[in-house]
Amino acid sequence: MLYNDNKYINFNKKNAMKTNELRIGNYVNYFSEGADKWFVTEIDINDMICIHENTIDHAEPIPLTEEWLIRFGFKYYKSWNYWQIMGCNRVKLRQFLDDFHIIDRYHIKIETVHKLQNYFFALTDEELIID
């Protein structure tokens, strides 16, 4: 459910996304009532309008996994114990237990696909898209 006062989208607050965290092109899980199942969707301008008008209520963040890193073109470097996209030295991820962290001056925990997309864009000025 979309919480109007704080502009949250989600069924439960545990996985809630703030709408101001989303950008066009971010990937989220979306529940289609007509098909009665979840789909991965890329947010477009129409989705952003629905979010702004509080008419979307079935979206959740996608947990960041090794599978998603591979889909984005990251490669695991075993000798250095981190994930990186070839030719992009600015974004390196290291896994600690079940969590991924951006390795920078500080370790920044990245739990969801859309947050990785946003962080990648902020550091590189390029979109992180599926290969």
C-alpha atoms as a PDB file:
ATOM      1  CA  MET A   1       0.000   0.000   0.000  1.00  0.00           C
ATOM      2  CA  LEU A   2       1.196   3.511  -0.704  1.00  0.00           C
ATOM      3  CA  TYR A   3       1.462   5.502   2.503  1.00  0.00           C
ATOM      4  CA  ASN A   4       0.323   8.978   1.482  1.00  0.00           C
ATOM      5  CA  ASP A   5       1.836  10.952   4.337  1.00  0.00           C
ATOM      6  CA  ASN A   6       5.413   9.687   3.816  1.00  0.00           C
ATOM      7  CA  LYS A   7       5.079   8.681   0.149  1.00  0.00           C
ATOM      8  CA  TYR A   8       6.067   5.054   0.710  1.00  0.00           C
ATOM      9  CA  ILE A   9       5.257   2.277  -1.736  1.00  0.00           C
ATOM     10  CA  ASN A  10       4.926  -1.239  -0.436  1.00  0.00           C
ATOM     11  CA  PHE A  11       2.825  -3.896   1.181  1.00  0.00           C
ATOM     12  CA  ASN A  12       4.769  -3.688   4.425  1.00  0.00           C
ATOM     13  CA  LYS A  13       7.029  -1.086   5.964  1.00  0.00           C
ATOM     14  CA  LYS A  14       9.929  -3.537   6.310  1.00  0.00           C
ATOM     15  CA  ASN A  15      10.703  -3.372   2.585  1.00  0.00           C
ATOM     16  CA  ALA A  16       9.211   0.059   1.950  1.00  0.00           C
ATOM     17  CA  MET A  17      10.759   2.292  -0.710  1.00  0.00           C
ATOM     18  CA  LYS A  18      10.663   6.042  -0.456  1.00  0.00           C
ATOM     19  CA  THR A  19       9.407   7.451  -3.719  1.00  0.00           C
ATOM     20  CA  ASN A  20      12.173  10.049  -3.720  1.00  0.00           C
ATOM     21  CA  GLU A  21      14.680   7.142  -3.951  1.00  0.00           C
ATOM     22  CA  LEU A  22      13.327   6.152  -7.359  1.00  0.00           C
ATOM     23  CA  ARG A  23      14.466   7.346 -10.769  1.00  0.00           C
ATOM     24  CA  ILE A  24      13.204   6.580 -14.248  1.00  0.00           C
ATOM     25  CA  GLY A  25      14.968   3.386 -15.307  1.00  0.00           C
ATOM     26  CA  ASN A  26      15.111   1.847 -11.817  1.00  0.00           C
ATOM     27  CA  TYR A  27      14.044  -1.783 -11.605  1.00  0.00           C
ATOM     28  CA  VAL A  28      11.405  -2.803  -9.030  1.00  0.00           C
ATOM     29  CA  ASN A  29       9.116  -5.770  -8.396  1.00  0.00           C
ATOM     30  CA  TYR A  30       5.549  -4.984  -9.421  1.00  0.00           C
ATOM     31  CA  PHE A  31       2.484  -7.063  -8.636  1.00  0.00           C
ATOM     32  CA  SER A  32       0.000  -7.380 -11.484  1.00  0.00           C
ATOM     33  CA  GLU A  33      -3.454  -8.119 -10.104  1.00  0.00           C
ATOM     34  CA  GLY A  34      -4.682  -9.169 -13.545  1.00  0.00           C
ATOM     35  CA  ALA A  35      -1.980 -11.830 -13.872  1.00  0.00           C
ATOM     36  CA  ASP A  36      -1.898 -12.423 -10.099  1.00  0.00           C
ATOM     37  CA  LYS A  37       1.922 -12.559 -10.011  1.00  0.00           C
ATOM     38  CA  TRP A  38       5.029 -10.425  -9.560  1.00  0.00           C
ATOM     39  CA  PHE A  39       7.054  -8.983 -12.459  1.00  0.00           C
ATOM     40  CA  VAL A  40      10.319  -7.087 -12.608  1.00  0.00           C
ATOM     41  CA  THR A  41       9.620  -3.754 -14.258  1.00  0.00           C
ATOM     42  CA  GLU A  42      11.663  -0.742 -15.219  1.00  0.00           C
ATOM     43  CA  ILE A  43      10.127   2.490 -13.937  1.00  0.00           C
ATOM     44  CA  ASP A  44       9.093   4.905 -16.677  1.00  0.00           C
ATOM     45  CA  ILE A  45       7.537   8.359 -16.711  1.00  0.00           C
ATOM     46  CA  ASN A  46       3.995   6.950 -16.366  1.00  0.00           C
ATOM     47  CA  ASP A  47       5.021   5.014 -13.245  1.00  0.00           C
ATOM     48  CA  MET A  48       6.510   8.170 -11.762  1.00  0.00           C
ATOM     49  CA  ILE A  49       3.217  10.006 -12.388  1.00  0.00           C
ATOM     50  CA  CYS A  50       1.288   7.182 -10.673  1.00  0.00           C
ATOM     51  CA  ILE A  51       3.690   7.293  -7.740  1.00  0.00           C
ATOM     52  CA  HIS A  52       3.304  11.060  -7.462  1.00  0.00           C
ATOM     53  CA  GLU A  53      -0.498  10.740  -7.620  1.00  0.00           C
ATOM     54  CA  ASN A  54      -0.472   7.886  -5.077  1.00  0.00           C
ATOM     55  CA  THR A  55      -2.161   5.432  -7.458  1.00  0.00           C
ATOM     56  CA  ILE A  56       0.492   2.687  -7.408  1.00  0.00           C
ATOM     57  CA  ASP A  57       0.490   0.375  -4.438  1.00  0.00           C
ATOM     58  CA  HIS A  58       1.990  -2.929  -5.487  1.00  0.00           C
ATOM     59  CA  ALA A  59       5.711  -2.268  -5.906  1.00  0.00           C
ATOM     60  CA  GLU A  60       8.622  -3.526  -3.845  1.00  0.00           C
ATOM     61  CA  PRO A  61      12.378  -3.138  -4.019  1.00  0.00           C
ATOM     62  CA  ILE A  62      14.364  -5.990  -5.578  1.00  0.00           C
ATOM     63  CA  PRO A  63      16.947  -7.465  -3.198  1.00  0.00           C
ATOM     64  CA  LEU A  64      20.487  -7.200  -4.557  1.00  0.00           C
ATOM     65  CA  THR A  65      21.924 -10.645  -5.343  1.00  0.00           C
ATOM     66  CA  GLU A  66      24.886 -12.096  -7.236  1.00  0.00           C
ATOM     67  CA  GLU A  67      22.466 -12.879 -10.080  1.00  0.00           C
ATOM     68  CA  TRP A  68      21.585  -9.191 -10.419  1.00  0.00           C
ATOM     69  CA  LEU A  69      25.247  -8.174 -10.348  1.00  0.00           C
ATOM     70  CA  ILE A  70      25.944 -10.583 -13.210  1.00  0.00           C
ATOM     71  CA  ARG A  71      22.934  -9.267 -15.156  1.00  0.00           C
ATOM     72  CA  PHE A  72      24.353  -5.743 -14.812  1.00  0.00           C
ATOM     73  CA  GLY A  73      27.743  -6.901 -16.118  1.00  0.00           C
ATOM     74  CA  PHE A  74      29.670  -7.150 -12.859  1.00  0.00           C
ATOM     75  CA  LYS A  75      32.404  -9.765 -12.649  1.00  0.00           C
ATOM     76  CA  TYR A  76      33.667 -11.359  -9.444  1.00  0.00           C
ATOM     77  CA  TYR A  77      37.425 -11.075  -8.891  1.00  0.00           C
ATOM     78  CA  LYS A  78      38.245 -13.880  -6.488  1.00  0.00           C
ATOM     79  CA  SER A  79      41.849 -12.808  -5.845  1.00  0.00           C
ATOM     80  CA  TRP A  80      40.657  -9.366  -4.644  1.00  0.00           C
ATOM     81  CA  ASN A  81      37.336 -10.579  -3.247  1.00  0.00           C
ATOM     82  CA  TYR A  82      35.147  -7.972  -4.929  1.00  0.00           C
ATOM     83  CA  TRP A  83      32.686  -7.421  -7.795  1.00  0.00           C
ATOM     84  CA  GLN A  84      33.393  -4.846 -10.490  1.00  0.00           C
ATOM     85  CA  ILE A  85      32.295  -3.890 -13.992  1.00  0.00           C
ATOM     86  CA  MET A  86      35.205  -4.180 -16.402  1.00  0.00           C
ATOM     87  CA  GLY A  87      36.618  -0.744 -17.145  1.00  0.00           C
ATOM     88  CA  CYS A  88      34.835   0.966 -14.260  1.00  0.00           C
ATOM     89  CA  ASN A  89      37.166   1.371 -11.289  1.00  0.00           C
ATOM     90  CA  ARG A  90      34.832   3.675  -9.402  1.00  0.00           C
ATOM     91  CA  VAL A  91      32.286   1.049  -8.287  1.00  0.00           C
ATOM     92  CA  LYS A  92      33.487  -2.055  -6.476  1.00  0.00           C
ATOM     93  CA  LEU A  93      31.281  -4.243  -4.309  1.00  0.00           C
ATOM     94  CA  ARG A  94      32.306  -6.674  -1.623  1.00  0.00           C
ATOM     95  CA  GLN A  95      29.997  -9.214  -0.022  1.00  0.00           C
ATOM     96  CA  PHE A  96      29.860  -9.504   3.764  1.00  0.00           C
ATOM     97  CA  LEU A  97      27.686 -12.448   4.751  1.00  0.00           C
ATOM     98  CA  ASP A  98      24.443 -11.761   2.842  1.00  0.00           C
ATOM     99  CA  ASP A  99      25.031  -8.051   2.294  1.00  0.00           C
ATOM    100  CA  PHE A 100      26.831  -6.157  -0.458  1.00  0.00           C
ATOM    101  CA  HIS A 101      28.852  -3.050   0.293  1.00  0.00           C
ATOM    102  CA  ILE A 102      30.307  -0.442  -2.035  1.00  0.00           C
ATOM    103  CA  ILE A 103      34.028  -0.330  -1.306  1.00  0.00           C
ATOM    104  CA  ASP A 104      35.025   3.286  -1.197  1.00  0.00           C
ATOM    105  CA  ARG A 105      36.528   5.341   1.563  1.00  0.00           C
ATOM    106  CA  TYR A 106      33.639   3.982   3.567  1.00  0.00           C
ATOM    107  CA  HIS A 107      31.713   0.756   3.210  1.00  0.00           C
ATOM    108  CA  ILE A 108      28.220   1.646   2.060  1.00  0.00           C
ATOM    109  CA  LYS A 109      25.649  -1.118   2.419  1.00  0.00           C
ATOM    110  CA  ILE A 110      23.580  -1.614  -0.739  1.00  0.00           C
ATOM    111  CA  GLU A 111      20.568  -3.884  -0.214  1.00  0.00           C
ATOM    112  CA  THR A 112      18.463  -3.283  -3.311  1.00  0.00           C
ATOM    113  CA  VAL A 113      18.825  -3.087  -7.082  1.00  0.00           C
ATOM    114  CA  HIS A 114      17.419   0.452  -7.380  1.00  0.00           C
ATOM    115  CA  LYS A 115      19.861   1.780  -4.763  1.00  0.00           C
ATOM    116  CA  LEU A 116      22.786   0.219  -6.651  1.00  0.00           C
ATOM    117  CA  GLN A 117      21.493   1.806  -9.872  1.00  0.00           C
ATOM    118  CA  ASN A 118      21.270   5.212  -8.166  1.00  0.00           C
ATOM    119  CA  TYR A 119      24.686   4.962  -6.524  1.00  0.00           C
ATOM    120  CA  PHE A 120      26.290   3.818  -9.784  1.00  0.00           C
ATOM    121  CA  PHE A 121      24.765   6.791 -11.614  1.00  0.00           C
ATOM    122  CA  ALA A 122      25.932   9.220  -8.923  1.00  0.00           C
ATOM    123  CA  LEU A 123      29.530   7.976  -9.196  1.00  0.00           C
ATOM    124  CA  THR A 124      29.816   7.448 -12.956  1.00  0.00           C
ATOM    125  CA  ASP A 125      27.122   9.655 -14.560  1.00  0.00           C
ATOM    126  CA  GLU A 126      26.093   6.523 -16.490  1.00  0.00           C
ATOM    127  CA  GLU A 127      23.014   4.337 -16.196  1.00  0.00           C
ATOM    128  CA  LEU A 128      23.407   0.802 -14.869  1.00  0.00           C
ATOM    129  CA  ILE A 129      21.408  -1.369 -17.260  1.00  0.00           C
ATOM    130  CA  ILE A 130      20.976  -5.087 -17.815  1.00  0.00           C
ATOM    131  CA  ASP A 131      23.480  -6.512 -20.307  1.00  0.00           C
END
